[in-house]
N, C-alpha and C. Protein backbone atom coordinates (compact mmCIF):
# COMPACT_ATOMS: atom_id res chain seq x y z
N MET A 1 -8.96 -7.80 -22.30
CA MET A 1 -10.02 -6.91 -21.33
C MET A 1 -9.21 -6.48 -19.95
N ILE A 2 -8.63 -5.77 -20.09
CA ILE A 2 -8.37 -5.13 -18.32
C ILE A 2 -9.47 -5.11 -17.42
N GLN A 3 -8.93 -5.97 -16.02
CA GLN A 3 -9.80 -6.25 -14.96
C GLN A 3 -9.30 -4.98 -13.91
N ILE A 4 -10.00 -4.43 -13.11
CA ILE A 4 -9.73 -4.07 -11.73
C ILE A 4 -10.14 -4.49 -10.69
N VAL A 5 -9.78 -5.21 -9.47
CA VAL A 5 -10.30 -5.74 -8.54
C VAL A 5 -10.17 -5.49 -7.15
N THR A 6 -11.06 -5.01 -6.06
CA THR A 6 -10.17 -3.56 -5.17
C THR A 6 -10.45 -4.79 -3.89
N LYS A 7 -9.26 -5.25 -3.07
CA LYS A 7 -9.41 -6.20 -1.77
C LYS A 7 -8.81 -5.24 -0.80
N TYR A 8 -9.17 -5.70 0.40
CA TYR A 8 -9.00 -4.79 2.04
C TYR A 8 -8.04 -5.95 2.79
N LEU A 9 -7.39 -5.87 3.63
CA LEU A 9 -6.69 -5.94 4.21
C LEU A 9 -6.73 -5.23 5.72
N LYS A 10 -7.27 -5.63 6.73
CA LYS A 10 -7.79 -5.10 7.99
C LYS A 10 -6.88 -5.81 8.74
N LEU A 11 -5.57 -4.97 9.83
CA LEU A 11 -4.87 -5.60 10.43
C LEU A 11 -4.85 -4.21 11.83
N LYS A 12 -4.64 -4.56 13.27
CA LYS A 12 -4.73 -4.65 13.96
C LYS A 12 -3.12 -4.89 14.81
N THR A 13 -2.77 -3.33 14.34
CA THR A 13 -1.15 -2.89 14.92
C THR A 13 -0.95 -2.56 16.27
N LYS A 14 -0.05 -2.63 17.01
CA LYS A 14 0.49 -2.03 18.19
C LYS A 14 1.36 -0.72 18.84
N GLY A 15 1.52 0.06 17.83
CA GLY A 15 1.81 1.06 17.92
C GLY A 15 2.85 0.98 17.03
N CYS A 16 3.40 2.74 17.72
CA CYS A 16 4.73 2.79 16.97
C CYS A 16 6.18 1.96 17.08
N GLY A 17 6.36 1.61 15.67
CA GLY A 17 7.56 0.53 16.08
C GLY A 17 6.89 -0.27 15.45
N ASP A 18 6.07 -1.29 15.06
CA ASP A 18 5.33 -2.08 14.69
C ASP A 18 5.99 -2.04 13.16
N LEU A 19 6.17 -3.13 12.88
CA LEU A 19 6.36 -3.21 11.19
C LEU A 19 5.86 -4.85 10.82
N VAL A 20 4.67 -4.80 10.49
CA VAL A 20 4.12 -6.30 9.57
C VAL A 20 4.34 -6.55 8.59
N ASP A 21 4.51 -8.09 8.08
CA ASP A 21 4.86 -7.96 6.97
C ASP A 21 4.12 -8.76 6.53
N ILE A 22 3.29 -8.18 5.42
CA ILE A 22 1.89 -8.57 4.68
C ILE A 22 1.62 -9.22 3.77
N THR A 23 3.26 -9.58 2.91
CA THR A 23 3.80 -10.20 1.88
C THR A 23 3.13 -11.39 1.79
N SER A 24 2.52 -12.82 2.28
CA SER A 24 1.56 -13.20 2.54
C SER A 24 -0.06 -13.57 2.59
N ASP A 25 -0.50 -12.35 3.28
CA ASP A 25 -1.65 -11.87 2.88
C ASP A 25 -2.05 -11.34 1.31
N ILE A 26 -1.30 -10.97 0.56
CA ILE A 26 -1.84 -9.97 -0.72
C ILE A 26 -1.44 -11.57 -1.38
N ARG A 27 -0.19 -12.34 -1.30
CA ARG A 27 -0.19 -13.52 -2.41
C ARG A 27 -1.28 -14.51 -1.84
N ASN A 28 -2.27 -14.62 -1.41
CA ASN A 28 -3.14 -15.11 -0.91
C ASN A 28 -4.74 -14.70 -1.52
N ILE A 29 -4.67 -13.38 -1.35
CA ILE A 29 -5.49 -12.65 -2.19
C ILE A 29 -5.53 -12.81 -3.97
N LEU A 30 -4.11 -12.95 -4.49
CA LEU A 30 -3.64 -12.73 -5.51
C LEU A 30 -3.87 -13.65 -6.02
N SER A 31 -3.53 -15.27 -5.01
CA SER A 31 -3.91 -16.30 -5.72
C SER A 31 -5.25 -17.02 -6.17
N ASN A 32 -6.19 -16.39 -5.43
CA ASN A 32 -7.42 -16.86 -5.02
C ASN A 32 -8.43 -16.07 -5.88
N LEU A 33 -7.65 -14.95 -6.92
CA LEU A 33 -8.27 -13.78 -8.04
C LEU A 33 -8.29 -14.81 -9.25
N GLY A 34 -6.65 -15.19 -9.83
CA GLY A 34 -6.88 -16.32 -10.41
C GLY A 34 -5.77 -15.11 -11.82
N PHE A 35 -6.12 -13.97 -11.73
CA PHE A 35 -5.42 -13.28 -12.82
C PHE A 35 -3.85 -14.10 -12.59
N LYS A 36 -3.32 -13.78 -14.22
CA LYS A 36 -1.69 -14.05 -14.38
C LYS A 36 -0.91 -13.02 -14.54
N ALA A 37 -0.90 -12.06 -14.94
CA ALA A 37 -0.67 -10.81 -14.88
C ALA A 37 -0.88 -9.46 -15.04
N GLY A 38 -0.13 -8.73 -14.41
CA GLY A 38 -0.86 -7.20 -14.16
C GLY A 38 0.00 -6.30 -12.81
N LEU A 39 -0.50 -5.84 -11.99
CA LEU A 39 0.37 -4.67 -10.79
C LEU A 39 -0.80 -4.89 -10.03
N VAL A 40 0.23 -5.13 -7.96
CA VAL A 40 -1.12 -4.57 -7.72
C VAL A 40 -0.32 -3.32 -6.92
N ASN A 41 -1.30 -2.55 -6.63
CA ASN A 41 -1.54 -1.38 -5.75
C ASN A 41 -1.42 -1.69 -4.21
N VAL A 42 -0.88 -1.68 -3.49
CA VAL A 42 -0.52 -1.80 -1.59
C VAL A 42 -0.27 0.23 -1.37
N PHE A 43 -1.41 0.02 -0.80
CA PHE A 43 -2.05 1.38 -0.06
C PHE A 43 -2.45 1.03 1.41
N VAL A 44 -2.19 1.81 2.53
CA VAL A 44 -2.45 2.12 3.46
C VAL A 44 -3.09 3.25 4.19
N VAL A 45 -4.79 3.04 4.18
CA VAL A 45 -5.29 4.37 4.57
C VAL A 45 -5.14 5.06 6.21
N GLY A 46 -4.80 6.12 6.00
CA GLY A 46 -3.75 6.91 7.25
C GLY A 46 -2.38 7.50 7.12
N SER A 47 -2.61 8.48 7.67
CA SER A 47 -1.55 9.30 7.78
C SER A 47 -0.14 9.21 8.78
N THR A 48 -0.40 8.31 9.50
CA THR A 48 0.58 7.85 10.74
C THR A 48 1.44 6.31 10.60
N ALA A 49 0.74 5.98 9.29
CA ALA A 49 1.59 4.61 8.69
C ALA A 49 1.66 4.75 7.46
N ALA A 50 2.48 4.05 7.14
CA ALA A 50 3.34 3.90 5.85
C ALA A 50 3.48 2.31 5.47
N ILE A 51 3.39 2.25 3.74
CA ILE A 51 4.03 0.63 3.39
C ILE A 51 5.76 0.45 2.61
N THR A 52 6.41 -0.10 2.94
CA THR A 52 7.61 -0.17 2.45
C THR A 52 8.10 -1.94 2.09
N SER A 53 8.84 -2.43 1.66
CA SER A 53 9.45 -2.98 0.92
C SER A 53 11.07 -3.55 1.70
N PHE A 54 11.78 -4.59 2.24
CA PHE A 54 12.58 -4.77 2.62
C PHE A 54 12.70 -6.49 3.36
N GLU A 55 13.60 -6.55 3.47
CA GLU A 55 14.18 -8.26 3.99
C GLU A 55 13.80 -8.20 5.54
N TYR A 56 12.48 -8.78 5.37
CA TYR A 56 11.98 -8.80 7.07
C TYR A 56 12.23 -9.76 7.38
N GLU A 57 13.35 -9.35 8.51
CA GLU A 57 14.39 -11.13 9.54
C GLU A 57 14.83 -9.18 10.44
N PRO A 58 15.03 -10.18 12.02
CA PRO A 58 14.96 -9.39 13.08
C PRO A 58 15.36 -8.52 13.48
N GLY A 59 16.86 -8.32 12.18
CA GLY A 59 17.84 -7.53 12.59
C GLY A 59 17.80 -6.12 11.36
N LEU A 60 16.98 -6.67 10.47
CA LEU A 60 16.75 -5.60 9.99
C LEU A 60 15.73 -4.67 10.19
N VAL A 61 14.66 -5.31 10.51
CA VAL A 61 13.47 -5.04 11.74
C VAL A 61 13.62 -4.05 12.33
N LYS A 62 15.03 -4.34 13.44
CA LYS A 62 15.56 -3.08 14.33
C LYS A 62 16.01 -2.32 14.11
N ASP A 63 17.27 -2.60 12.53
CA ASP A 63 17.72 -1.65 11.72
C ASP A 63 16.98 0.09 11.16
N MET A 64 15.70 -1.09 11.57
CA MET A 64 14.29 0.48 10.30
C MET A 64 14.46 0.83 11.31
N ARG A 65 13.69 0.58 12.54
CA ARG A 65 13.24 1.31 14.19
C ARG A 65 14.45 1.80 14.07
N ASN A 66 15.65 1.74 14.49
CA ASN A 66 16.42 2.54 14.87
C ASN A 66 16.59 3.78 13.60
N ILE A 67 16.66 3.50 12.40
CA ILE A 67 17.04 4.73 11.95
C ILE A 67 15.96 5.85 11.49
N TYR A 68 14.16 4.88 11.76
CA TYR A 68 13.32 6.03 11.78
C TYR A 68 13.69 6.87 12.74
N GLU A 69 14.02 6.55 14.20
CA GLU A 69 14.23 7.57 15.82
C GLU A 69 15.40 8.19 14.93
N LYS A 70 16.21 7.85 14.27
CA LYS A 70 17.36 8.97 13.56
C LYS A 70 16.32 10.30 13.27
N ILE A 71 16.03 9.39 11.83
CA ILE A 71 15.55 10.68 10.95
C ILE A 71 14.31 11.72 11.27
N ALA A 72 13.29 11.02 12.18
CA ALA A 72 12.91 11.82 12.87
C ALA A 72 11.99 11.57 14.49
N PRO A 73 13.30 12.19 14.80
CA PRO A 73 12.76 11.40 16.41
C PRO A 73 11.60 11.80 17.27
N ARG A 74 11.20 10.99 18.13
CA ARG A 74 10.01 11.51 18.85
C ARG A 74 10.07 12.47 19.20
N ASP A 75 11.00 12.42 20.37
CA ASP A 75 11.22 14.01 21.34
C ASP A 75 11.65 15.00 20.94
N ASN A 76 11.59 15.42 19.14
CA ASN A 76 11.90 16.57 18.95
C ASN A 76 10.75 17.82 18.91
N LYS A 77 10.78 18.39 18.83
CA LYS A 77 9.63 19.42 19.04
C LYS A 77 8.87 19.59 17.34
N TYR A 78 7.89 18.94 17.03
CA TYR A 78 7.22 19.26 15.71
C TYR A 78 5.70 20.18 16.00
N CYS A 79 5.29 21.24 15.12
CA CYS A 79 5.00 22.37 14.93
C CYS A 79 3.30 21.54 15.25
N HIS A 80 3.16 20.45 14.12
CA HIS A 80 1.68 19.39 14.34
C HIS A 80 1.34 19.36 15.93
N ASP A 81 1.88 18.85 16.62
CA ASP A 81 2.15 18.76 18.02
C ASP A 81 1.34 19.87 18.72
N GLU A 82 1.31 21.20 18.38
CA GLU A 82 0.68 22.09 18.57
C GLU A 82 -0.05 22.32 18.62
N THR A 83 -0.99 21.78 17.34
CA THR A 83 -1.89 22.20 16.38
C THR A 83 -2.68 21.14 17.47
N TRP A 84 -2.53 19.77 17.37
CA TRP A 84 -3.50 18.97 17.80
C TRP A 84 -3.29 18.26 19.50
N ASN A 85 -2.35 18.97 19.75
CA ASN A 85 -1.66 18.25 21.19
C ASN A 85 -2.08 16.95 21.23
N ASP A 86 -1.52 15.83 20.42
CA ASP A 86 -1.80 14.71 20.46
C ASP A 86 -0.03 13.81 20.27
N ALA A 87 1.21 15.21 20.73
CA ALA A 87 2.30 14.38 20.37
C ALA A 87 2.87 13.38 19.05
N ASN A 88 2.37 13.53 18.05
CA ASN A 88 2.29 12.01 17.33
C ASN A 88 3.27 12.77 15.98
N GLY A 89 3.24 14.26 16.02
CA GLY A 89 3.99 15.06 14.95
C GLY A 89 5.07 14.02 14.00
N PHE A 90 5.55 13.34 15.24
CA PHE A 90 6.76 12.52 14.41
C PHE A 90 6.21 11.34 13.70
N SER A 91 5.27 10.48 14.11
CA SER A 91 4.85 9.98 13.19
C SER A 91 3.64 10.13 11.90
N HIS A 92 3.94 11.67 11.40
CA HIS A 92 3.13 11.96 10.48
C HIS A 92 4.49 12.06 9.58
N VAL A 93 5.34 13.39 9.51
CA VAL A 93 7.03 12.82 9.08
C VAL A 93 7.04 11.82 8.49
N ARG A 94 7.02 10.64 9.83
CA ARG A 94 8.10 9.23 9.01
C ARG A 94 6.76 8.52 7.51
N ALA A 95 5.66 8.94 8.32
CA ALA A 95 4.51 8.18 7.27
C ALA A 95 4.59 8.81 5.61
N ALA A 96 5.36 10.29 6.13
CA ALA A 96 5.07 11.02 5.05
C ALA A 96 6.70 10.71 4.09
N LEU A 97 7.66 10.50 4.63
CA LEU A 97 9.03 10.44 4.43
C LEU A 97 8.53 8.75 3.38
N GLN A 98 8.38 7.89 3.96
CA GLN A 98 8.11 6.25 3.97
C GLN A 98 7.08 6.35 2.72
N GLY A 99 6.25 6.99 2.75
CA GLY A 99 5.01 6.99 1.70
C GLY A 99 3.86 5.85 2.33
N ALA A 100 2.91 6.38 1.49
CA ALA A 100 1.51 5.20 1.74
C ALA A 100 1.48 4.30 0.78
N ALA A 101 2.41 4.00 -0.40
CA ALA A 101 2.09 2.63 -1.28
C ALA A 101 3.16 2.28 -2.02
N LEU A 102 3.11 1.07 -2.60
CA LEU A 102 3.82 0.26 -3.47
C LEU A 102 2.81 -0.36 -4.27
N THR A 103 4.01 -0.12 -5.40
CA THR A 103 3.08 -0.70 -6.68
C THR A 103 3.99 -1.92 -6.89
N ILE A 104 3.28 -3.34 -7.33
CA ILE A 104 4.26 -4.67 -7.26
C ILE A 104 4.07 -5.20 -8.48
N PRO A 105 4.57 -5.49 -9.73
CA PRO A 105 4.01 -6.15 -10.58
C PRO A 105 3.86 -7.83 -9.73
N PHE A 106 2.86 -8.32 -10.75
CA PHE A 106 2.73 -9.84 -10.94
C PHE A 106 2.82 -10.70 -12.31
N GLU A 107 3.17 -11.93 -11.99
CA GLU A 107 3.49 -12.47 -13.42
C GLU A 107 2.56 -14.50 -12.92
N ASP A 108 2.48 -14.45 -13.73
CA ASP A 108 1.91 -16.35 -13.53
C ASP A 108 1.49 -16.68 -11.78
N ALA A 109 0.76 -15.15 -11.51
CA ALA A 109 0.14 -15.40 -10.36
C ALA A 109 0.99 -15.17 -9.49
N CYS A 110 2.21 -15.03 -9.31
CA CYS A 110 3.28 -14.47 -8.43
C CYS A 110 3.76 -12.91 -8.53
N LEU A 111 3.76 -12.70 -6.82
CA LEU A 111 4.36 -11.24 -6.87
C LEU A 111 5.52 -11.34 -7.29
N LEU A 112 6.49 -10.08 -8.41
CA LEU A 112 7.83 -10.44 -8.30
C LEU A 112 8.48 -9.43 -7.66
N LEU A 113 8.41 -10.04 -6.73
CA LEU A 113 9.66 -9.77 -5.52
C LEU A 113 11.22 -10.06 -5.56
N GLY A 114 11.55 -9.61 -4.95
CA GLY A 114 13.28 -9.98 -4.67
C GLY A 114 13.00 -11.78 -4.44
N THR A 115 13.59 -12.27 -4.05
CA THR A 115 14.24 -13.70 -2.59
C THR A 115 14.08 -12.76 -0.86
N TRP A 116 14.72 -12.56 -1.04
CA TRP A 116 14.64 -11.76 0.49
C TRP A 116 13.58 -10.64 0.64
N GLN A 117 13.16 -9.50 -0.22
CA GLN A 117 12.03 -9.28 -0.22
C GLN A 117 10.97 -8.96 0.27
N GLN A 118 9.62 -8.72 1.34
CA GLN A 118 8.56 -8.36 1.88
C GLN A 118 8.43 -7.64 1.77
N VAL A 119 6.55 -6.76 1.75
CA VAL A 119 5.83 -5.68 1.87
C VAL A 119 5.79 -5.81 2.96
N VAL A 120 5.57 -4.02 4.05
CA VAL A 120 5.67 -4.33 5.28
C VAL A 120 5.11 -3.45 5.44
N LEU A 121 3.78 -3.32 6.34
CA LEU A 121 3.23 -2.00 6.68
C LEU A 121 3.89 -0.87 7.78
N ALA A 122 4.45 -0.42 7.53
CA ALA A 122 5.39 0.39 9.45
C ALA A 122 4.12 1.35 9.81
N GLU A 123 3.98 0.81 11.08
CA GLU A 123 2.77 1.69 11.60
C GLU A 123 3.84 2.68 12.67
N PHE A 124 3.29 3.87 12.54
CA PHE A 124 4.65 4.60 13.12
C PHE A 124 3.76 5.79 14.33
N ASP A 125 2.00 5.31 14.19
CA ASP A 125 1.59 6.54 15.73
C ASP A 125 1.73 5.91 16.82
N THR A 126 1.58 6.55 18.15
CA THR A 126 1.60 6.09 19.45
C THR A 126 0.87 5.62 20.03
N ARG A 127 0.21 5.01 18.98
CA ARG A 127 -0.72 3.65 19.87
C ARG A 127 -1.08 2.78 19.21
N ALA A 128 -1.75 1.63 19.39
CA ALA A 128 -2.39 0.31 18.33
C ALA A 128 -3.46 0.89 17.85
N ARG A 129 -3.23 0.90 16.82
CA ARG A 129 -4.22 1.28 15.61
C ARG A 129 -5.35 0.22 14.85
N ASP A 130 -6.52 -0.16 14.72
CA ASP A 130 -6.71 -0.45 13.22
C ASP A 130 -6.57 -0.49 12.18
N ARG A 131 -6.43 -0.89 10.76
CA ARG A 131 -5.11 -0.68 9.90
C ARG A 131 -6.13 -1.24 8.85
N LYS A 132 -6.55 0.04 7.84
CA LYS A 132 -7.02 -1.28 6.32
C LYS A 132 -5.48 -0.75 5.23
N VAL A 133 -5.84 -1.74 4.50
CA VAL A 133 -4.69 -1.85 3.57
C VAL A 133 -5.41 -2.27 2.58
N VAL A 134 -5.79 -0.87 1.68
CA VAL A 134 -6.51 -1.43 -0.02
C VAL A 134 -5.39 -2.24 -0.89
N LEU A 135 -5.40 -3.28 -1.49
CA LEU A 135 -5.10 -4.03 -2.54
C LEU A 135 -5.78 -3.58 -4.04
N THR A 136 -5.26 -2.75 -4.77
CA THR A 136 -5.97 -2.49 -5.90
C THR A 136 -5.17 -3.15 -7.11
N PHE A 137 -5.93 -4.32 -7.54
CA PHE A 137 -5.19 -5.35 -8.61
C PHE A 137 -5.51 -4.92 -10.15
N ILE A 138 -4.61 -4.76 -10.96
CA ILE A 138 -4.71 -4.30 -12.04
C ILE A 138 -4.25 -5.56 -13.57
N ALA A 139 -5.27 -6.33 -14.13
CA ALA A 139 -5.00 -7.66 -14.81
C ALA A 139 -5.68 -7.69 -16.23
N GLU A 140 -4.73 -8.11 -16.75
CA GLU A 140 -5.72 -8.58 -18.39
C GLU A 140 -6.09 -10.13 -18.49
């Protein structure tokens, strides 16, 4: 029988450039569910944040911040800024390119991530935010 369980993470971010490792939070919830095998979909609510995975170490965190700035520089002109006058057009572009969700398989109640692979919430908005991450577990 297939089971679907939805759980939520609530996080406070520091604003643009904040990259938050949420791997242990997901693992803790999974271990408490008692599921053996399945999938977890990790989805951030909002259009100025994203979910990704990478090796969460200081050098790569810095590299990721630098590459986001090169891909969608904050000082570029964005038409979105003219619409709302909130100067976060770059935030929306970065989030759209990175994506709001990631699906991870698990087996024996363990996420099937690589040794150096963590799940990361990327905050792109210009200010600190309260973020909700939706975790949807699908298991047999």
